[in-house]
């Protein structure tokens, strides 16, 4: 339980489904849940720090509950440990809005990073191309299909430590024979529900076992 000085400022609900090759739900092992939740939280914290710097009083956490149908109900939270002041209410309201915006951006970055790993693994070639604005980069797949991603995604995926966190976050493909990972955003808001689907592939398995994905290196060339 949070102390009186700890306030949950922002939350983003996420629904995760893990499916086998027949589309049936897979119950994840305790090992996968343990490593995955820890690495996902670290990954989210890195993404949050990238979009909102110098905020030591704000702590990012991930809570989750697995239901009987094999779905994971995740909640990304930001807890603020700053003592509230009744003399600065307007300022605090503005700060809370900044926190909510930053958490939403961090959620998008993490989800797109996972999606990018799956997309590169499924493609025969993959390379980065500079976008027409500094805030975005283009991921060119198979020499033709272009996926525009925030620059923060490319920056994260150029970090070996982040790639290791992604391996832990996606460990269900190795440890639990998951065929598809389905990530749903805004599950409680009608009309805003979106899904990201990552599918198991030989290249993805090689990456999760420690192999490289050269196309994810900033400035990297296409991989054969």
C-alpha atoms as a PDB file:
ATOM      1  CA  UNK A   1       0.000   0.000   0.000  1.00  0.00           C
ATOM      2  CA  UNK A   2       1.252   3.491  -0.827  1.00  0.00           C
ATOM      3  CA  UNK A   3       2.157   5.758   2.065  1.00  0.00           C
ATOM      4  CA  UNK A   4       0.239   9.065   2.524  1.00  0.00           C
ATOM      5  CA  UNK A   5       3.001  10.761   0.551  1.00  0.00           C
ATOM      6  CA  UNK A   6       2.665   8.337  -2.384  1.00  0.00           C
ATOM      7  CA  UNK A   7       0.018   9.171  -4.961  1.00  0.00           C
ATOM      8  CA  UNK A   8      -0.770   7.237  -8.118  1.00  0.00           C
ATOM      9  CA  UNK A   9      -0.737  10.012 -10.691  1.00  0.00           C
ATOM     10  CA  UNK A  10      -1.221   8.053 -13.912  1.00  0.00           C
ATOM     11  CA  UNK A  11      -2.253   4.589 -15.023  1.00  0.00           C
ATOM     12  CA  UNK A  12      -2.520   2.821 -18.378  1.00  0.00           C
ATOM     13  CA  UNK A  13      -4.393  -0.512 -18.639  1.00  0.00           C
ATOM     14  CA  UNK A  14      -3.039  -3.190 -20.972  1.00  0.00           C
ATOM     15  CA  UNK A  15      -4.458  -6.602 -21.892  1.00  0.00           C
ATOM     16  CA  UNK A  16      -2.039  -9.335 -23.023  1.00  0.00           C
ATOM     17  CA  UNK A  17      -3.060 -12.648 -24.578  1.00  0.00           C
ATOM     18  CA  UNK A  18      -0.674 -15.501 -25.338  1.00  0.00           C
ATOM     19  CA  UNK A  19      -1.924 -18.012 -27.923  1.00  0.00           C
ATOM     20  CA  UNK A  20      -0.667 -21.383 -29.147  1.00  0.00           C
ATOM     21  CA  UNK A  21      -0.502 -22.469 -32.803  1.00  0.00           C
ATOM     22  CA  UNK A  22      -4.224 -23.304 -32.749  1.00  0.00           C
ATOM     23  CA  UNK A  23      -5.234 -19.918 -31.333  1.00  0.00           C
ATOM     24  CA  UNK A  24      -5.896 -21.284 -27.856  1.00  0.00           C
ATOM     25  CA  UNK A  25      -4.834 -19.318 -24.749  1.00  0.00           C
ATOM     26  CA  UNK A  26      -1.592 -20.364 -23.047  1.00  0.00           C
ATOM     27  CA  UNK A  27      -1.099 -20.140 -19.296  1.00  0.00           C
ATOM     28  CA  UNK A  28       2.360 -18.754 -18.661  1.00  0.00           C
ATOM     29  CA  UNK A  29       4.798 -20.453 -16.320  1.00  0.00           C
ATOM     30  CA  UNK A  30       5.873 -18.862 -13.047  1.00  0.00           C
ATOM     31  CA  UNK A  31       9.385 -18.481 -14.471  1.00  0.00           C
ATOM     32  CA  UNK A  32       8.124 -16.559 -17.494  1.00  0.00           C
ATOM     33  CA  UNK A  33       5.871 -14.336 -15.390  1.00  0.00           C
ATOM     34  CA  UNK A  34       8.657 -13.588 -12.916  1.00  0.00           C
ATOM     35  CA  UNK A  35      11.314 -12.653 -15.454  1.00  0.00           C
ATOM     36  CA  UNK A  36       8.862 -11.023 -17.849  1.00  0.00           C
ATOM     37  CA  UNK A  37       7.283  -8.720 -15.277  1.00  0.00           C
ATOM     38  CA  UNK A  38      10.668  -7.612 -13.925  1.00  0.00           C
ATOM     39  CA  UNK A  39      12.157  -6.930 -17.351  1.00  0.00           C
ATOM     40  CA  UNK A  40       8.979  -5.248 -18.619  1.00  0.00           C
ATOM     41  CA  UNK A  41       9.016  -2.896 -15.635  1.00  0.00           C
ATOM     42  CA  UNK A  42      12.668  -2.015 -16.254  1.00  0.00           C
ATOM     43  CA  UNK A  43      11.909  -1.484 -19.935  1.00  0.00           C
ATOM     44  CA  UNK A  44       8.983   0.813 -19.144  1.00  0.00           C
ATOM     45  CA  UNK A  45      11.120   2.779 -16.697  1.00  0.00           C
ATOM     46  CA  UNK A  46      13.762   3.345 -19.366  1.00  0.00           C
ATOM     47  CA  UNK A  47      11.146   4.499 -21.847  1.00  0.00           C
ATOM     48  CA  UNK A  48       9.563   6.816 -19.262  1.00  0.00           C
ATOM     49  CA  UNK A  49      12.942   8.309 -18.370  1.00  0.00           C
ATOM     50  CA  UNK A  50      13.582   8.947 -22.056  1.00  0.00           C
ATOM     51  CA  UNK A  51      10.430  11.051 -22.426  1.00  0.00           C
ATOM     52  CA  UNK A  52      10.438  12.673 -18.965  1.00  0.00           C
ATOM     53  CA  UNK A  53      13.878  13.466 -17.584  1.00  0.00           C
ATOM     54  CA  UNK A  54      14.992  14.475 -14.090  1.00  0.00           C
ATOM     55  CA  UNK A  55      11.922  13.368 -12.133  1.00  0.00           C
ATOM     56  CA  UNK A  56      13.362  11.258  -9.274  1.00  0.00           C
ATOM     57  CA  UNK A  57      10.165  11.498  -7.197  1.00  0.00           C
ATOM     58  CA  UNK A  58       8.161   9.627  -9.854  1.00  0.00           C
ATOM     59  CA  UNK A  59       8.330   5.829  -9.767  1.00  0.00           C
ATOM     60  CA  UNK A  60       7.053   3.649 -12.605  1.00  0.00           C
ATOM     61  CA  UNK A  61       5.651   0.229 -11.689  1.00  0.00           C
ATOM     62  CA  UNK A  62       3.800  -2.610 -13.428  1.00  0.00           C
ATOM     63  CA  UNK A  63       1.063  -4.665 -11.788  1.00  0.00           C
ATOM     64  CA  UNK A  64      -0.568  -7.690 -13.392  1.00  0.00           C
ATOM     65  CA  UNK A  65      -3.268 -10.292 -12.851  1.00  0.00           C
ATOM     66  CA  UNK A  66      -3.708 -13.490 -14.887  1.00  0.00           C
ATOM     67  CA  UNK A  67      -7.345 -14.493 -15.325  1.00  0.00           C
ATOM     68  CA  UNK A  68      -8.798 -17.964 -15.884  1.00  0.00           C
ATOM     69  CA  UNK A  69      -8.743 -17.541 -19.671  1.00  0.00           C
ATOM     70  CA  UNK A  70      -4.986 -17.068 -19.799  1.00  0.00           C
ATOM     71  CA  UNK A  71      -5.159 -13.312 -20.270  1.00  0.00           C
ATOM     72  CA  UNK A  72      -2.871 -10.950 -18.408  1.00  0.00           C
ATOM     73  CA  UNK A  73      -4.402  -7.710 -17.185  1.00  0.00           C
ATOM     74  CA  UNK A  74      -1.521  -5.267 -16.807  1.00  0.00           C
ATOM     75  CA  UNK A  75      -1.531  -1.805 -15.326  1.00  0.00           C
ATOM     76  CA  UNK A  76       1.305   0.636 -15.897  1.00  0.00           C
ATOM     77  CA  UNK A  77       1.438   3.089 -12.988  1.00  0.00           C
ATOM     78  CA  UNK A  78       3.343   6.220 -12.035  1.00  0.00           C
ATOM     79  CA  UNK A  79       3.558   6.855  -8.300  1.00  0.00           C
ATOM     80  CA  UNK A  80       4.507  10.369  -7.218  1.00  0.00           C
ATOM     81  CA  UNK A  81       6.367  10.656  -3.916  1.00  0.00           C
ATOM     82  CA  UNK A  82       6.320  14.452  -3.792  1.00  0.00           C
ATOM     83  CA  UNK A  83       4.586  15.933  -0.738  1.00  0.00           C
ATOM     84  CA  UNK A  84       1.434  17.728  -1.968  1.00  0.00           C
ATOM     85  CA  UNK A  85       0.973  21.403  -1.185  1.00  0.00           C
ATOM     86  CA  UNK A  86      -2.389  23.141  -1.046  1.00  0.00           C
ATOM     87  CA  UNK A  87      -0.643  26.343  -2.118  1.00  0.00           C
ATOM     88  CA  UNK A  88       0.446  24.840  -5.437  1.00  0.00           C
ATOM     89  CA  UNK A  89      -2.661  22.997  -6.570  1.00  0.00           C
ATOM     90  CA  UNK A  90      -2.762  24.483 -10.068  1.00  0.00           C
ATOM     91  CA  UNK A  91       0.894  23.701 -10.572  1.00  0.00           C
ATOM     92  CA  UNK A  92       0.390  20.144  -9.302  1.00  0.00           C
ATOM     93  CA  UNK A  93      -2.550  19.605 -11.646  1.00  0.00           C
ATOM     94  CA  UNK A  94      -0.403  20.664 -14.573  1.00  0.00           C
ATOM     95  CA  UNK A  95       2.380  18.373 -13.436  1.00  0.00           C
ATOM     96  CA  UNK A  96      -0.039  15.459 -13.122  1.00  0.00           C
ATOM     97  CA  UNK A  97      -1.140  16.019 -16.708  1.00  0.00           C
ATOM     98  CA  UNK A  98       2.515  15.991 -17.816  1.00  0.00           C
ATOM     99  CA  UNK A  99       3.001  12.679 -15.989  1.00  0.00           C
ATOM    100  CA  UNK A 100      -0.034  11.112 -17.678  1.00  0.00           C
ATOM    101  CA  UNK A 101       1.198  12.259 -21.076  1.00  0.00           C
ATOM    102  CA  UNK A 102       4.684  10.876 -20.412  1.00  0.00           C
ATOM    103  CA  UNK A 103       3.320   7.500 -19.295  1.00  0.00           C
ATOM    104  CA  UNK A 104       1.163   7.266 -22.414  1.00  0.00           C
ATOM    105  CA  UNK A 105       4.185   8.049 -24.591  1.00  0.00           C
ATOM    106  CA  UNK A 106       6.325   5.502 -22.730  1.00  0.00           C
ATOM    107  CA  UNK A 107       3.616   2.860 -23.182  1.00  0.00           C
ATOM    108  CA  UNK A 108       3.577   3.506 -26.926  1.00  0.00           C
ATOM    109  CA  UNK A 109       7.380   3.297 -27.116  1.00  0.00           C
ATOM    110  CA  UNK A 110       7.499  -0.038 -25.263  1.00  0.00           C
ATOM    111  CA  UNK A 111       4.707  -1.582 -27.341  1.00  0.00           C
ATOM    112  CA  UNK A 112       6.253  -0.408 -30.603  1.00  0.00           C
ATOM    113  CA  UNK A 113       9.668  -1.721 -29.530  1.00  0.00           C
ATOM    114  CA  UNK A 114       8.178  -5.195 -29.007  1.00  0.00           C
ATOM    115  CA  UNK A 115       6.323  -4.922 -32.317  1.00  0.00           C
ATOM    116  CA  UNK A 116       9.496  -3.805 -34.124  1.00  0.00           C
ATOM    117  CA  UNK A 117      11.429  -6.836 -32.876  1.00  0.00           C
ATOM    118  CA  UNK A 118       8.718  -9.128 -34.225  1.00  0.00           C
ATOM    119  CA  UNK A 119       8.537  -7.257 -37.540  1.00  0.00           C
ATOM    120  CA  UNK A 120      12.293  -7.402 -38.106  1.00  0.00           C
ATOM    121  CA  UNK A 121      12.365 -11.097 -37.210  1.00  0.00           C
ATOM    122  CA  UNK A 122       9.588 -11.829 -39.715  1.00  0.00           C
ATOM    123  CA  UNK A 123      11.211  -9.865 -42.562  1.00  0.00           C
ATOM    124  CA  UNK A 124      13.898 -11.112 -44.937  1.00  0.00           C
ATOM    125  CA  UNK A 125      15.690  -7.749 -44.762  1.00  0.00           C
ATOM    126  CA  UNK A 126      15.430  -4.823 -42.363  1.00  0.00           C
ATOM    127  CA  UNK A 127      17.201  -1.481 -42.078  1.00  0.00           C
ATOM    128  CA  UNK A 128      16.758   1.933 -40.519  1.00  0.00           C
ATOM    129  CA  UNK A 129      16.207   4.987 -42.694  1.00  0.00           C
ATOM    130  CA  UNK A 130      16.133   8.569 -41.482  1.00  0.00           C
ATOM    131  CA  UNK A 131      12.640  10.057 -41.374  1.00  0.00           C
ATOM    132  CA  UNK A 132      11.771  13.511 -42.606  1.00  0.00           C
ATOM    133  CA  UNK A 133      11.587  14.781 -39.009  1.00  0.00           C
ATOM    134  CA  UNK A 134      14.133  14.236 -36.210  1.00  0.00           C
ATOM    135  CA  UNK A 135      11.456  12.779 -33.930  1.00  0.00           C
ATOM    136  CA  UNK A 136      10.818   9.755 -36.158  1.00  0.00           C
ATOM    137  CA  UNK A 137      12.770   7.045 -37.959  1.00  0.00           C
ATOM    138  CA  UNK A 138      11.627   4.685 -40.705  1.00  0.00           C
ATOM    139  CA  UNK A 139      12.094   0.932 -40.442  1.00  0.00           C
ATOM    140  CA  UNK A 140      12.290  -0.454 -43.986  1.00  0.00           C
ATOM    141  CA  UNK A 141      11.257  -4.114 -44.196  1.00  0.00           C
ATOM    142  CA  UNK A 142      11.947  -6.350 -47.196  1.00  0.00           C
ATOM    143  CA  UNK A 143      13.194  -3.309 -49.107  1.00  0.00           C
ATOM    144  CA  UNK A 144       9.668  -2.033 -49.638  1.00  0.00           C
ATOM    145  CA  UNK A 145       7.396  -1.812 -46.599  1.00  0.00           C
ATOM    146  CA  UNK A 146       8.129   1.159 -44.332  1.00  0.00           C
ATOM    147  CA  UNK A 147       7.074   1.430 -40.707  1.00  0.00           C
ATOM    148  CA  UNK A 148       7.427   4.864 -39.112  1.00  0.00           C
ATOM    149  CA  UNK A 149       8.475   4.723 -35.462  1.00  0.00           C
ATOM    150  CA  UNK A 150       9.326   7.318 -32.803  1.00  0.00           C
ATOM    151  CA  UNK A 151      13.024   8.057 -32.618  1.00  0.00           C
ATOM    152  CA  UNK A 152      12.920   6.880 -28.995  1.00  0.00           C
ATOM    153  CA  UNK A 153      12.169   3.358 -30.230  1.00  0.00           C
ATOM    154  CA  UNK A 154      15.258   3.297 -32.427  1.00  0.00           C
ATOM    155  CA  UNK A 155      17.375   4.707 -29.606  1.00  0.00           C
ATOM    156  CA  UNK A 156      16.188   2.011 -27.200  1.00  0.00           C
ATOM    157  CA  UNK A 157      16.727  -0.788 -29.696  1.00  0.00           C
ATOM    158  CA  UNK A 158      20.290   0.349 -30.277  1.00  0.00           C
ATOM    159  CA  UNK A 159      21.080  -0.401 -26.616  1.00  0.00           C
ATOM    160  CA  UNK A 160      22.268  -3.951 -25.847  1.00  0.00           C
ATOM    161  CA  UNK A 161      20.867  -3.722 -22.311  1.00  0.00           C
ATOM    162  CA  UNK A 162      17.430  -2.896 -23.719  1.00  0.00           C
ATOM    163  CA  UNK A 163      17.624  -5.838 -26.126  1.00  0.00           C
ATOM    164  CA  UNK A 164      18.275  -8.107 -23.150  1.00  0.00           C
ATOM    165  CA  UNK A 165      15.220  -6.674 -21.373  1.00  0.00           C
ATOM    166  CA  UNK A 166      13.173  -7.376 -24.491  1.00  0.00           C
ATOM    167  CA  UNK A 167      14.393 -10.965 -24.479  1.00  0.00           C
ATOM    168  CA  UNK A 168      13.094 -11.331 -20.937  1.00  0.00           C
ATOM    169  CA  UNK A 169       9.820  -9.583 -21.711  1.00  0.00           C
ATOM    170  CA  UNK A 170       9.209 -11.932 -24.661  1.00  0.00           C
ATOM    171  CA  UNK A 171      10.499 -15.100 -22.994  1.00  0.00           C
ATOM    172  CA  UNK A 172       7.104 -16.811 -23.381  1.00  0.00           C
ATOM    173  CA  UNK A 173       8.014 -17.632 -26.987  1.00  0.00           C
ATOM    174  CA  UNK A 174      10.862 -19.817 -25.687  1.00  0.00           C
ATOM    175  CA  UNK A 175       9.651 -21.151 -22.354  1.00  0.00           C
ATOM    176  CA  UNK A 176       5.922 -21.674 -22.968  1.00  0.00           C
ATOM    177  CA  UNK A 177       5.667 -22.461 -26.712  1.00  0.00           C
ATOM    178  CA  UNK A 178       3.624 -19.338 -27.395  1.00  0.00           C
ATOM    179  CA  UNK A 179       2.869 -18.794 -31.088  1.00  0.00           C
ATOM    180  CA  UNK A 180       1.325 -15.317 -30.899  1.00  0.00           C
ATOM    181  CA  UNK A 181       1.601 -12.470 -28.410  1.00  0.00           C
ATOM    182  CA  UNK A 182      -1.365 -10.081 -28.592  1.00  0.00           C
ATOM    183  CA  UNK A 183      -1.032  -6.740 -26.788  1.00  0.00           C
ATOM    184  CA  UNK A 184      -4.225  -4.708 -26.380  1.00  0.00           C
ATOM    185  CA  UNK A 185      -4.182  -1.021 -25.442  1.00  0.00           C
ATOM    186  CA  UNK A 186      -7.026   0.935 -23.820  1.00  0.00           C
ATOM    187  CA  UNK A 187      -9.170  -2.187 -23.212  1.00  0.00           C
ATOM    188  CA  UNK A 188     -11.689  -0.239 -21.114  1.00  0.00           C
ATOM    189  CA  UNK A 189     -12.381   2.521 -23.625  1.00  0.00           C
ATOM    190  CA  UNK A 190     -14.881   1.660 -26.404  1.00  0.00           C
ATOM    191  CA  UNK A 191     -13.710   2.746 -29.825  1.00  0.00           C
ATOM    192  CA  UNK A 192     -10.085   3.116 -28.730  1.00  0.00           C
ATOM    193  CA  UNK A 193      -9.059  -0.518 -28.350  1.00  0.00           C
ATOM    194  CA  UNK A 194      -6.000  -1.409 -30.428  1.00  0.00           C
ATOM    195  CA  UNK A 195      -4.066  -4.641 -30.765  1.00  0.00           C
ATOM    196  CA  UNK A 196      -0.442  -5.355 -31.588  1.00  0.00           C
ATOM    197  CA  UNK A 197       0.321  -8.926 -32.680  1.00  0.00           C
ATOM    198  CA  UNK A 198       3.798 -10.490 -32.580  1.00  0.00           C
ATOM    199  CA  UNK A 199       4.168 -13.940 -34.158  1.00  0.00           C
ATOM    200  CA  UNK A 200       6.807 -16.552 -33.395  1.00  0.00           C
ATOM    201  CA  UNK A 201       9.392 -17.088 -36.137  1.00  0.00           C
ATOM    202  CA  UNK A 202      12.785 -18.854 -36.373  1.00  0.00           C
ATOM    203  CA  UNK A 203      14.573 -15.480 -36.465  1.00  0.00           C
ATOM    204  CA  UNK A 204      12.681 -14.297 -33.374  1.00  0.00           C
ATOM    205  CA  UNK A 205      13.636 -17.474 -31.510  1.00  0.00           C
ATOM    206  CA  UNK A 206      17.303 -16.964 -32.462  1.00  0.00           C
ATOM    207  CA  UNK A 207      17.149 -13.413 -31.146  1.00  0.00           C
ATOM    208  CA  UNK A 208      15.534 -14.508 -27.876  1.00  0.00           C
ATOM    209  CA  UNK A 209      18.316 -17.066 -27.443  1.00  0.00           C
ATOM    210  CA  UNK A 210      20.899 -14.285 -27.632  1.00  0.00           C
ATOM    211  CA  UNK A 211      21.395 -13.772 -31.349  1.00  0.00           C
ATOM    212  CA  UNK A 212      21.496 -10.332 -32.998  1.00  0.00           C
ATOM    213  CA  UNK A 213      18.939  -8.425 -34.992  1.00  0.00           C
ATOM    214  CA  UNK A 214      21.323  -6.283 -37.032  1.00  0.00           C
ATOM    215  CA  UNK A 215      18.545  -4.217 -38.599  1.00  0.00           C
ATOM    216  CA  UNK A 216      17.740  -2.760 -35.190  1.00  0.00           C
ATOM    217  CA  UNK A 217      21.145  -1.147 -34.751  1.00  0.00           C
ATOM    218  CA  UNK A 218      20.914   2.615 -35.411  1.00  0.00           C
ATOM    219  CA  UNK A 219      22.498   3.224 -38.786  1.00  0.00           C
ATOM    220  CA  UNK A 220      22.767  -0.515 -39.361  1.00  0.00           C
ATOM    221  CA  UNK A 221      22.534  -1.949 -42.840  1.00  0.00           C
ATOM    222  CA  UNK A 222      20.105  -4.543 -44.076  1.00  0.00           C
ATOM    223  CA  UNK A 223      20.721  -7.981 -42.692  1.00  0.00           C
ATOM    224  CA  UNK A 224      20.851 -10.927 -45.098  1.00  0.00           C
END
